[in-house]
Every structure is written in structure tokens, then in C-alpha cells.
Amino acid sequence: KYIFDFKGLNSRIDELQAAILNIKLKLIDSDNQ
């Protein structure tokens, strides 16, 4: 925190999307079938 080794971006998945994706990941194989 507050130490910057690179010229980066602000690009992070948020907790809400991660929680949703955790649920949907369980269906991906059957959905693909």
C-alpha cells in the first residue's frame, strides 16, 4: 500500500461480482452442454 513499483491501472474485480461468479461457475459445464 502506497508503494508503487509500476505505472499501473485501477483494474480489480469487486467482491459483488466475485460472489456472483462463484455461484455461476458451478453451472458452466452443464450450461455449455
Full PDB file with SEQRES, HELIX, SHEET, SSBOND, CRYST1, ORIGX, SCALE, CONECT and MASTER records, all heavy atoms in Angstrom:
SEQRES   1 A   33  LYS TYR ILE PHE ASP PHE LYS GLY LEU ASN SER ARG ILE          
SEQRES   2 A   33  ASP GLU LEU GLN ALA ALA ILE LEU ASN ILE LYS LEU LYS          
SEQRES   3 A   33  LEU ILE ASP SER ASP ASN GLN                                  
HELIX    1 AA1 GLU A   15  LYS A   24  1                                  10    
HELIX    2 AA2 LEU A   25  LEU A   27  5                                   3    
HELIX    3 AA3 ILE A   28  ASN A   32  1                                   5    
CRYST1    1.000    1.000    1.000  90.00  90.00  90.00 P 1           1          
ORIGX1      1.000000  0.000000  0.000000        0.00000                         
ORIGX2      0.000000  1.000000  0.000000        0.00000                         
ORIGX3      0.000000  0.000000  1.000000        0.00000                         
SCALE1      1.000000  0.000000  0.000000        0.00000                         
SCALE2      0.000000  1.000000  0.000000        0.00000                         
SCALE3      0.000000  0.000000  1.000000        0.00000                         
ATOM      1  N   LYS A   1       0.812  -1.207   0.000  1.00  0.00           N  
ATOM      2  CA  LYS A   1       0.000   0.000   0.000  1.00  0.00           C  
ATOM      3  C   LYS A   1       0.851   1.265   0.000  1.00  0.00           C  
ATOM      4  O   LYS A   1       1.765   1.427   0.809  1.00  0.00           O  
ATOM      5  CB  LYS A   1      -0.934   0.003   1.220  1.00  0.00           C  
ATOM      6  CG  LYS A   1      -2.055   1.034   1.115  1.00  0.00           C  
ATOM      7  CD  LYS A   1      -3.109   0.819   2.194  1.00  0.00           C  
ATOM      8  CE  LYS A   1      -4.279   1.774   1.998  1.00  0.00           C  
ATOM      9  NZ  LYS A   1      -5.349   1.561   3.006  1.00  0.00           N  
ATOM     10  N   TYR A   2       0.515   2.144  -0.977  1.00  0.00           N  
ATOM     11  CA  TYR A   2       1.159   3.442  -1.162  1.00  0.00           C  
ATOM     12  C   TYR A   2       2.606   3.349  -1.661  1.00  0.00           C  
ATOM     13  O   TYR A   2       3.311   4.360  -1.717  1.00  0.00           O  
ATOM     14  CB  TYR A   2       1.104   4.282   0.118  1.00  0.00           C  
ATOM     15  CG  TYR A   2      -0.303   4.549   0.592  1.00  0.00           C  
ATOM     16  CD1 TYR A   2      -0.653   4.361   1.934  1.00  0.00           C  
ATOM     17  CD2 TYR A   2      -1.290   4.963  -0.296  1.00  0.00           C  
ATOM     18  CE1 TYR A   2      -1.955   4.591   2.363  1.00  0.00           C  
ATOM     19  CE2 TYR A   2      -2.590   5.191   0.132  1.00  0.00           C  
ATOM     20  CZ  TYR A   2      -2.922   5.003   1.460  1.00  0.00           C  
ATOM     21  OH  TYR A   2      -4.202   5.225   1.877  1.00  0.00           O  
ATOM     22  N   ILE A   3       3.032   2.138  -2.046  1.00  0.00           N  
ATOM     23  CA  ILE A   3       4.343   1.957  -2.652  1.00  0.00           C  
ATOM     24  C   ILE A   3       4.114   1.475  -4.085  1.00  0.00           C  
ATOM     25  O   ILE A   3       3.512   0.414  -4.291  1.00  0.00           O  
ATOM     26  CB  ILE A   3       5.210   0.940  -1.875  1.00  0.00           C  
ATOM     27  CG1 ILE A   3       5.351   1.379  -0.408  1.00  0.00           C  
ATOM     28  CG2 ILE A   3       6.569   0.776  -2.543  1.00  0.00           C  
ATOM     29  CD1 ILE A   3       6.042   2.714  -0.217  1.00  0.00           C  
ATOM     30  N   PHE A   4       4.577   2.219  -5.071  1.00  0.00           N  
ATOM     31  CA  PHE A   4       4.248   1.945  -6.463  1.00  0.00           C  
ATOM     32  C   PHE A   4       5.495   1.593  -7.259  1.00  0.00           C  
ATOM     33  O   PHE A   4       6.327   2.455  -7.537  1.00  0.00           O  
ATOM     34  CB  PHE A   4       3.527   3.157  -7.073  1.00  0.00           C  
ATOM     35  CG  PHE A   4       2.293   3.539  -6.298  1.00  0.00           C  
ATOM     36  CD1 PHE A   4       2.357   4.526  -5.313  1.00  0.00           C  
ATOM     37  CD2 PHE A   4       1.097   2.884  -6.503  1.00  0.00           C  
ATOM     38  CE1 PHE A   4       1.236   4.860  -4.570  1.00  0.00           C  
ATOM     39  CE2 PHE A   4      -0.025   3.216  -5.781  1.00  0.00           C  
ATOM     40  CZ  PHE A   4       0.039   4.193  -4.803  1.00  0.00           C  
ATOM     41  N   ASP A   5       5.603   0.329  -7.601  1.00  0.00           N  
ATOM     42  CA  ASP A   5       6.755  -0.138  -8.365  1.00  0.00           C  
ATOM     43  C   ASP A   5       6.559   0.029  -9.869  1.00  0.00           C  
ATOM     44  O   ASP A   5       7.524   0.065 -10.621  1.00  0.00           O  
ATOM     45  CB  ASP A   5       7.016  -1.612  -8.061  1.00  0.00           C  
ATOM     46  CG  ASP A   5       7.414  -1.846  -6.611  1.00  0.00           C  
ATOM     47  OD1 ASP A   5       8.057  -0.954  -6.029  1.00  0.00           O  
ATOM     48  OD2 ASP A   5       7.063  -2.913  -6.062  1.00  0.00           O  
ATOM     49  N   PHE A   6       5.291   0.077 -10.309  1.00  0.00           N  
ATOM     50  CA  PHE A   6       4.978   0.172 -11.735  1.00  0.00           C  
ATOM     51  C   PHE A   6       3.976   1.301 -11.979  1.00  0.00           C  
ATOM     52  O   PHE A   6       3.269   1.722 -11.061  1.00  0.00           O  
ATOM     53  CB  PHE A   6       4.360  -1.139 -12.244  1.00  0.00           C  
ATOM     54  CG  PHE A   6       5.085  -2.380 -11.828  1.00  0.00           C  
ATOM     55  CD1 PHE A   6       4.513  -3.281 -10.937  1.00  0.00           C  
ATOM     56  CD2 PHE A   6       6.346  -2.671 -12.328  1.00  0.00           C  
ATOM     57  CE1 PHE A   6       5.164  -4.432 -10.550  1.00  0.00           C  
ATOM     58  CE2 PHE A   6       7.015  -3.819 -11.958  1.00  0.00           C  
ATOM     59  CZ  PHE A   6       6.421  -4.701 -11.056  1.00  0.00           C  
ATOM     60  N   LYS A   7       3.901   1.750 -13.217  1.00  0.00           N  
ATOM     61  CA  LYS A   7       2.839   2.662 -13.634  1.00  0.00           C  
ATOM     62  C   LYS A   7       1.644   1.801 -14.024  1.00  0.00           C  
ATOM     63  O   LYS A   7       1.544   1.329 -15.147  1.00  0.00           O  
ATOM     64  CB  LYS A   7       3.297   3.528 -14.804  1.00  0.00           C  
ATOM     65  CG  LYS A   7       4.448   4.457 -14.462  1.00  0.00           C  
ATOM     66  CD  LYS A   7       4.931   5.211 -15.701  1.00  0.00           C  
ATOM     67  CE  LYS A   7       6.126   6.096 -15.369  1.00  0.00           C  
ATOM     68  NZ  LYS A   7       6.649   6.777 -16.585  1.00  0.00           N  
ATOM     69  N   GLY A   8       0.754   1.586 -13.089  1.00  0.00           N  
ATOM     70  CA  GLY A   8      -0.297   0.607 -13.284  1.00  0.00           C  
ATOM     71  C   GLY A   8      -1.653   1.186 -13.635  1.00  0.00           C  
ATOM     72  O   GLY A   8      -1.790   2.347 -14.025  1.00  0.00           O  
ATOM     73  N   LEU A   9      -2.658   0.342 -13.502  1.00  0.00           N  
ATOM     74  CA  LEU A   9      -4.049   0.692 -13.760  1.00  0.00           C  
ATOM     75  C   LEU A   9      -4.863   0.451 -12.501  1.00  0.00           C  
ATOM     76  O   LEU A   9      -4.403  -0.193 -11.553  1.00  0.00           O  
ATOM     77  CB  LEU A   9      -4.627  -0.194 -14.879  1.00  0.00           C  
ATOM     78  CG  LEU A   9      -3.870  -0.327 -16.188  1.00  0.00           C  
ATOM     79  CD1 LEU A   9      -4.576  -1.342 -17.072  1.00  0.00           C  
ATOM     80  CD2 LEU A   9      -3.784   1.023 -16.885  1.00  0.00           C  
ATOM     81  N   ASN A  10      -6.086   0.930 -12.513  1.00  0.00           N  
ATOM     82  CA  ASN A  10      -7.049   0.548 -11.490  1.00  0.00           C  
ATOM     83  C   ASN A  10      -7.981  -0.473 -12.124  1.00  0.00           C  
ATOM     84  O   ASN A  10      -8.913  -0.117 -12.841  1.00  0.00           O  
ATOM     85  CB  ASN A  10      -7.829   1.764 -10.999  1.00  0.00           C  
ATOM     86  CG  ASN A  10      -8.927   1.378 -10.012  1.00  0.00           C  
ATOM     87  OD1 ASN A  10      -8.954   0.269  -9.499  1.00  0.00           O  
ATOM     88  ND2 ASN A  10      -9.835   2.303  -9.751  1.00  0.00           N  
ATOM     89  N   SER A  11      -7.689  -1.741 -11.943  1.00  0.00           N  
ATOM     90  CA  SER A  11      -8.449  -2.801 -12.600  1.00  0.00           C  
ATOM     91  C   SER A  11      -8.536  -4.006 -11.676  1.00  0.00           C  
ATOM     92  O   SER A  11      -7.676  -4.882 -11.680  1.00  0.00           O  
ATOM     93  CB  SER A  11      -7.791  -3.187 -13.928  1.00  0.00           C  
ATOM     94  OG  SER A  11      -8.558  -4.158 -14.601  1.00  0.00           O  
ATOM     95  N   ARG A  12      -9.608  -4.020 -10.880  1.00  0.00           N  
ATOM     96  CA  ARG A  12      -9.776  -5.093  -9.901  1.00  0.00           C  
ATOM     97  C   ARG A  12     -11.214  -5.579  -9.944  1.00  0.00           C  
ATOM     98  O   ARG A  12     -12.147  -4.780 -10.053  1.00  0.00           O  
ATOM     99  CB  ARG A  12      -9.431  -4.577  -8.496  1.00  0.00           C  
ATOM    100  CG  ARG A  12      -8.027  -4.013  -8.385  1.00  0.00           C  
ATOM    101  CD  ARG A  12      -7.800  -3.241  -7.094  1.00  0.00           C  
ATOM    102  NE  ARG A  12      -8.652  -2.056  -7.009  1.00  0.00           N  
ATOM    103  CZ  ARG A  12      -8.465  -1.054  -6.171  1.00  0.00           C  
ATOM    104  NH1 ARG A  12      -7.433  -1.086  -5.343  1.00  0.00           N  
ATOM    105  NH2 ARG A  12      -9.277  -0.030  -6.141  1.00  0.00           N  
ATOM    106  N   ILE A  13     -11.400  -6.864  -9.857  1.00  0.00           N  
ATOM    107  CA  ILE A  13     -12.747  -7.405  -9.729  1.00  0.00           C  
ATOM    108  C   ILE A  13     -13.277  -7.021  -8.353  1.00  0.00           C  
ATOM    109  O   ILE A  13     -12.519  -6.948  -7.382  1.00  0.00           O  
ATOM    110  CB  ILE A  13     -12.717  -8.940  -9.916  1.00  0.00           C  
ATOM    111  CG1 ILE A  13     -14.112  -9.493 -10.153  1.00  0.00           C  
ATOM    112  CG2 ILE A  13     -12.039  -9.629  -8.749  1.00  0.00           C  
ATOM    113  CD1 ILE A  13     -14.110 -10.951 -10.581  1.00  0.00           C  
ATOM    114  N   ASP A  14     -14.562  -6.701  -8.264  1.00  0.00           N  
ATOM    115  CA  ASP A  14     -15.099  -6.326  -6.951  1.00  0.00           C  
ATOM    116  C   ASP A  14     -15.752  -7.526  -6.273  1.00  0.00           C  
ATOM    117  O   ASP A  14     -16.023  -8.555  -6.899  1.00  0.00           O  
ATOM    118  CB  ASP A  14     -16.066  -5.148  -7.059  1.00  0.00           C  
ATOM    119  CG  ASP A  14     -17.332  -5.481  -7.827  1.00  0.00           C  
ATOM    120  OD1 ASP A  14     -18.107  -6.328  -7.361  1.00  0.00           O  
ATOM    121  OD2 ASP A  14     -17.549  -4.880  -8.901  1.00  0.00           O  
ATOM    122  N   GLU A  15     -15.992  -7.390  -5.001  1.00  0.00           N  
ATOM    123  CA  GLU A  15     -16.488  -8.502  -4.196  1.00  0.00           C  
ATOM    124  C   GLU A  15     -17.867  -8.988  -4.643  1.00  0.00           C  
ATOM    125  O   GLU A  15     -18.164 -10.181  -4.616  1.00  0.00           O  
ATOM    126  CB  GLU A  15     -16.545  -8.100  -2.717  1.00  0.00           C  
ATOM    127  CG  GLU A  15     -15.188  -7.951  -2.065  1.00  0.00           C  
ATOM    128  CD  GLU A  15     -14.539  -9.295  -1.791  1.00  0.00           C  
ATOM    129  OE1 GLU A  15     -14.856  -9.936  -0.774  1.00  0.00           O  
ATOM    130  OE2 GLU A  15     -13.712  -9.710  -2.620  1.00  0.00           O  
ATOM    131  N   LEU A  16     -18.721  -8.065  -5.069  1.00  0.00           N  
ATOM    132  CA  LEU A  16     -20.054  -8.458  -5.529  1.00  0.00           C  
ATOM    133  C   LEU A  16     -19.976  -9.330  -6.770  1.00  0.00           C  
ATOM    134  O   LEU A  16     -20.640 -10.373  -6.862  1.00  0.00           O  
ATOM    135  CB  LEU A  16     -20.908  -7.216  -5.805  1.00  0.00           C  
ATOM    136  CG  LEU A  16     -21.429  -6.466  -4.579  1.00  0.00           C  
ATOM    137  CD1 LEU A  16     -22.054  -5.145  -5.009  1.00  0.00           C  
ATOM    138  CD2 LEU A  16     -22.452  -7.302  -3.822  1.00  0.00           C  
ATOM    139  N   GLN A  17     -19.176  -8.914  -7.751  1.00  0.00           N  
ATOM    140  CA  GLN A  17     -19.058  -9.705  -8.972  1.00  0.00           C  
ATOM    141  C   GLN A  17     -18.410 -11.050  -8.692  1.00  0.00           C  
ATOM    142  O   GLN A  17     -18.804 -12.083  -9.268  1.00  0.00           O  
ATOM    143  CB  GLN A  17     -18.272  -8.939 -10.040  1.00  0.00           C  
ATOM    144  CG  GLN A  17     -18.874  -7.613 -10.450  1.00  0.00           C  
ATOM    145  CD  GLN A  17     -20.321  -7.729 -10.924  1.00  0.00           C  
ATOM    146  OE1 GLN A  17     -20.781  -8.780 -11.362  1.00  0.00           O  
ATOM    147  NE2 GLN A  17     -21.053  -6.634 -10.830  1.00  0.00           N  
ATOM    148  N   ALA A  18     -17.410 -11.069  -7.832  1.00  0.00           N  
ATOM    149  CA  ALA A  18     -16.756 -12.333  -7.481  1.00  0.00           C  
ATOM    150  C   ALA A  18     -17.747 -13.295  -6.832  1.00  0.00           C  
ATOM    151  O   ALA A  18     -17.758 -14.501  -7.126  1.00  0.00           O  
ATOM    152  CB  ALA A  18     -15.577 -12.076  -6.548  1.00  0.00           C  
ATOM    153  N   ALA A  19     -18.601 -12.768  -5.962  1.00  0.00           N  
ATOM    154  CA  ALA A  19     -19.595 -13.611  -5.301  1.00  0.00           C  
ATOM    155  C   ALA A  19     -20.590 -14.191  -6.308  1.00  0.00           C  
ATOM    156  O   ALA A  19     -20.958 -15.378  -6.239  1.00  0.00           O  
ATOM    157  CB  ALA A  19     -20.333 -12.802  -4.232  1.00  0.00           C  
ATOM    158  N   ILE A  20     -21.016 -13.374  -7.255  1.00  0.00           N  
ATOM    159  CA  ILE A  20     -21.941 -13.839  -8.298  1.00  0.00           C  
ATOM    160  C   ILE A  20     -21.278 -14.911  -9.160  1.00  0.00           C  
ATOM    161  O   ILE A  20     -21.868 -15.956  -9.472  1.00  0.00           O  
ATOM    162  CB  ILE A  20     -22.387 -12.651  -9.180  1.00  0.00           C  
ATOM    163  CG1 ILE A  20     -23.200 -11.629  -8.366  1.00  0.00           C  
ATOM    164  CG2 ILE A  20     -23.180 -13.144 -10.393  1.00  0.00           C  
ATOM    165  CD1 ILE A  20     -24.485 -12.172  -7.783  1.00  0.00           C  
ATOM    166  N   LEU A  21     -20.037 -14.666  -9.541  1.00  0.00           N  
ATOM    167  CA  LEU A  21     -19.333 -15.614 -10.400  1.00  0.00           C  
ATOM    168  C   LEU A  21     -19.068 -16.937  -9.698  1.00  0.00           C  
ATOM    169  O   LEU A  21     -19.066 -18.007 -10.335  1.00  0.00           O  
ATOM    170  CB  LEU A  21     -18.020 -14.993 -10.891  1.00  0.00           C  
ATOM    171  CG  LEU A  21     -18.196 -13.869 -11.916  1.00  0.00           C  
ATOM    172  CD1 LEU A  21     -16.904 -13.084 -12.083  1.00  0.00           C  
ATOM    173  CD2 LEU A  21     -18.653 -14.431 -13.260  1.00  0.00           C  
ATOM    174  N   ASN A  22     -18.854 -16.899  -8.399  1.00  0.00           N  
ATOM    175  CA  ASN A  22     -18.687 -18.143  -7.646  1.00  0.00           C  
ATOM    176  C   ASN A  22     -19.914 -19.030  -7.762  1.00  0.00           C  
ATOM    177  O   ASN A  22     -19.808 -20.259  -7.829  1.00  0.00           O  
ATOM    178  CB  ASN A  22     -18.413 -17.829  -6.165  1.00  0.00           C  
ATOM    179  CG  ASN A  22     -16.936 -17.827  -5.837  1.00  0.00           C  
ATOM    180  OD1 ASN A  22     -16.186 -18.650  -6.349  1.00  0.00           O  
ATOM    181  ND2 ASN A  22     -16.519 -16.911  -4.986  1.00  0.00           N  
ATOM    182  N   ILE A  23     -21.076 -18.420  -7.794  1.00  0.00           N  
ATOM    183  CA  ILE A  23     -22.325 -19.181  -7.931  1.00  0.00           C  
ATOM    184  C   ILE A  23     -22.468 -19.713  -9.351  1.00  0.00           C  
ATOM    185  O   ILE A  23     -22.756 -20.897  -9.571  1.00  0.00           O  
ATOM    186  CB  ILE A  23     -23.530 -18.291  -7.567  1.00  0.00           C  
ATOM    187  CG1 ILE A  23     -23.481 -17.906  -6.081  1.00  0.00           C  
ATOM    188  CG2 ILE A  23     -24.851 -18.982  -7.903  1.00  0.00           C  
ATOM    189  CD1 ILE A  23     -24.430 -16.794  -5.694  1.00  0.00           C  
ATOM    190  N   LYS A  24     -22.240 -18.863 -10.330  1.00  0.00           N  
ATOM    191  CA  LYS A  24     -22.462 -19.244 -11.720  1.00  0.00           C  
ATOM    192  C   LYS A  24     -21.428 -20.240 -12.240  1.00  0.00           C  
ATOM    193  O   LYS A  24     -21.709 -21.004 -13.180  1.00  0.00           O  
ATOM    194  CB  LYS A  24     -22.502 -17.999 -12.608  1.00  0.00           C  
ATOM    195  CG  LYS A  24     -23.641 -17.042 -12.254  1.00  0.00           C  
ATOM    196  CD  LYS A  24     -23.755 -15.889 -13.207  1.00  0.00           C  
ATOM    197  CE  LYS A  24     -24.400 -16.290 -14.506  1.00  0.00           C  
ATOM    198  NZ  LYS A  24     -24.682 -15.129 -15.377  1.00  0.00           N  
ATOM    199  N   LEU A  25     -20.254 -20.242 -11.639  1.00  0.00           N  
ATOM    200  CA  LEU A  25     -19.210 -21.169 -12.063  1.00  0.00           C  
ATOM    201  C   LEU A  25     -19.657 -22.624 -11.914  1.00  0.00           C  
ATOM    202  O   LEU A  25     -19.255 -23.494 -12.702  1.00  0.00           O  
ATOM    203  CB  LEU A  25     -17.928 -20.915 -11.259  1.00  0.00           C  
ATOM    204  CG  LEU A  25     -16.696 -21.747 -11.622  1.00  0.00           C  
ATOM    205  CD1 LEU A  25     -16.296 -21.533 -13.081  1.00  0.00           C  
ATOM    206  CD2 LEU A  25     -15.537 -21.404 -10.683  1.00  0.00           C  
ATOM    207  N   LYS A  26     -20.508 -22.888 -10.937  1.00  0.00           N  
ATOM    208  CA  LYS A  26     -20.976 -24.257 -10.695  1.00  0.00           C  
ATOM    209  C   LYS A  26     -21.844 -24.780 -11.837  1.00  0.00           C  
ATOM    210  O   LYS A  26     -22.033 -25.991 -11.985  1.00  0.00           O  
ATOM    211  CB  LYS A  26     -21.755 -24.317  -9.380  1.00  0.00           C  
ATOM    212  CG  LYS A  26     -20.934 -23.914  -8.160  1.00  0.00           C  
ATOM    213  CD  LYS A  26     -21.809 -23.736  -6.934  1.00  0.00           C  
ATOM    214  CE  LYS A  26     -21.019 -23.179  -5.759  1.00  0.00           C  
ATOM    215  NZ  LYS A  26     -21.879 -22.898  -4.580  1.00  0.00           N  
ATOM    216  N   LEU A  27     -22.405 -23.871 -12.634  1.00  0.00           N  
ATOM    217  CA  LEU A  27     -23.315 -24.263 -13.713  1.00  0.00           C  
ATOM    218  C   LEU A  27     -22.661 -24.293 -15.086  1.00  0.00           C  
ATOM    219  O   LEU A  27     -23.305 -24.701 -16.060  1.00  0.00           O  
ATOM    220  CB  LEU A  27     -24.505 -23.286 -13.765  1.00  0.00           C  
ATOM    221  CG  LEU A  27     -25.435 -23.230 -12.570  1.00  0.00           C  
ATOM    222  CD1 LEU A  27     -26.464 -22.118 -12.760  1.00  0.00           C  
ATOM    223  CD2 LEU A  27     -26.145 -24.563 -12.386  1.00  0.00           C  
ATOM    224  N   ILE A  28     -21.414 -23.852 -15.190  1.00  0.00           N  
ATOM    225  CA  ILE A  28     -20.842 -23.594 -16.503  1.00  0.00           C  
ATOM    226  C   ILE A  28     -20.780 -24.840 -17.379  1.00  0.00           C  
ATOM    227  O   ILE A  28     -21.091 -24.803 -18.574  1.00  0.00           O  
ATOM    228  CB  ILE A  28     -19.459 -22.908 -16.389  1.00  0.00           C  
ATOM    229  CG1 ILE A  28     -18.933 -22.483 -17.772  1.00  0.00           C  
ATOM    230  CG2 ILE A  28     -18.460 -23.773 -15.674  1.00  0.00           C  
ATOM    231  CD1 ILE A  28     -19.735 -21.418 -18.443  1.00  0.00           C  
ATOM    232  N   ASP A  29     -20.397 -25.977 -16.828  1.00  0.00           N  
ATOM    233  CA  ASP A  29     -20.279 -27.177 -17.656  1.00  0.00           C  
ATOM    234  C   ASP A  29     -21.631 -27.650 -18.167  1.00  0.00           C  
ATOM    235  O   ASP A  29     -21.774 -28.025 -19.337  1.00  0.00           O  
ATOM    236  CB  ASP A  29     -19.571 -28.292 -16.892  1.00  0.00           C  
ATOM    237  CG  ASP A  29     -18.055 -28.095 -16.844  1.00  0.00           C  
ATOM    238  OD1 ASP A  29     -17.507 -27.449 -17.753  1.00  0.00           O  
ATOM    239  OD2 ASP A  29     -17.423 -28.599 -15.892  1.00  0.00           O  
ATOM    240  N   SER A  30     -22.640 -27.638 -17.308  1.00  0.00           N  
ATOM    241  CA  SER A  30     -23.973 -28.058 -17.756  1.00  0.00           C  
ATOM    242  C   SER A  30     -24.565 -27.041 -18.729  1.00  0.00           C  
ATOM    243  O   SER A  30     -25.238 -27.412 -19.703  1.00  0.00           O  
ATOM    244  CB  SER A  30     -24.909 -28.262 -16.557  1.00  0.00           C  
ATOM    245  OG  SER A  30     -25.037 -27.079 -15.794  1.00  0.00           O  
ATOM    246  N   ASP A  31     -24.320 -25.771 -18.505  1.00  0.00           N  
ATOM    247  CA  ASP A  31     -24.783 -24.735 -19.440  1.00  0.00           C  
ATOM    248  C   ASP A  31     -24.129 -24.914 -20.808  1.00  0.00           C  
ATOM    249  O   ASP A  31     -24.784 -24.795 -21.850  1.00  0.00           O  
ATOM    250  CB  ASP A  31     -24.468 -23.341 -18.897  1.00  0.00           C  
ATOM    251  CG  ASP A  31     -25.471 -22.875 -17.847  1.00  0.00           C  
ATOM    252  OD1 ASP A  31     -26.434 -23.618 -17.576  1.00  0.00           O  
ATOM    253  OD2 ASP A  31     -25.284 -21.769 -17.311  1.00  0.00           O  
ATOM    254  N   ASN A  32     -22.828 -25.203 -20.809  1.00  0.00           N  
ATOM    255  CA  ASN A  32     -22.130 -25.410 -22.072  1.00  0.00           C  
ATOM    256  C   ASN A  32     -22.645 -26.648 -22.800  1.00  0.00           C  
ATOM    257  O   ASN A  32     -22.718 -26.667 -24.038  1.00  0.00           O  
ATOM    258  CB  ASN A  32     -20.624 -25.527 -21.834  1.00  0.00           C  
ATOM    259  CG  ASN A  32     -19.964 -24.200 -21.525  1.00  0.00           C  
ATOM    260  OD1 ASN A  32     -20.517 -23.140 -21.810  1.00  0.00           O  
ATOM    261  ND2 ASN A  32     -18.794 -24.237 -20.935  1.00  0.00           N  
ATOM    262  N   GLN A  33     -23.001 -27.673 -22.043  1.00  0.00           N  
ATOM    263  CA  GLN A  33     -23.528 -28.872 -22.677  1.00  0.00           C  
ATOM    264  C   GLN A  33     -24.864 -28.586 -23.356  1.00  0.00           C  
ATOM    265  O   GLN A  33     -25.128 -29.098 -24.450  1.00  0.00           O  
ATOM    266  CB  GLN A  33     -23.696 -29.998 -21.651  1.00  0.00           C  
ATOM    267  CG  GLN A  33     -24.110 -31.334 -22.250  1.00  0.00           C  
ATOM    268  CD  GLN A  33     -23.195 -31.806 -23.367  1.00  0.00           C  
ATOM    269  OE1 GLN A  33     -21.974 -31.623 -23.310  1.00  0.00           O  
ATOM    270  NE2 GLN A  33     -23.773 -32.398 -24.402  1.00  0.00           N  
TER     271      GLN A  33                                                      
MASTER        0    0    0    3    0    0    0    6  270    1    0    3          
END                                                                             
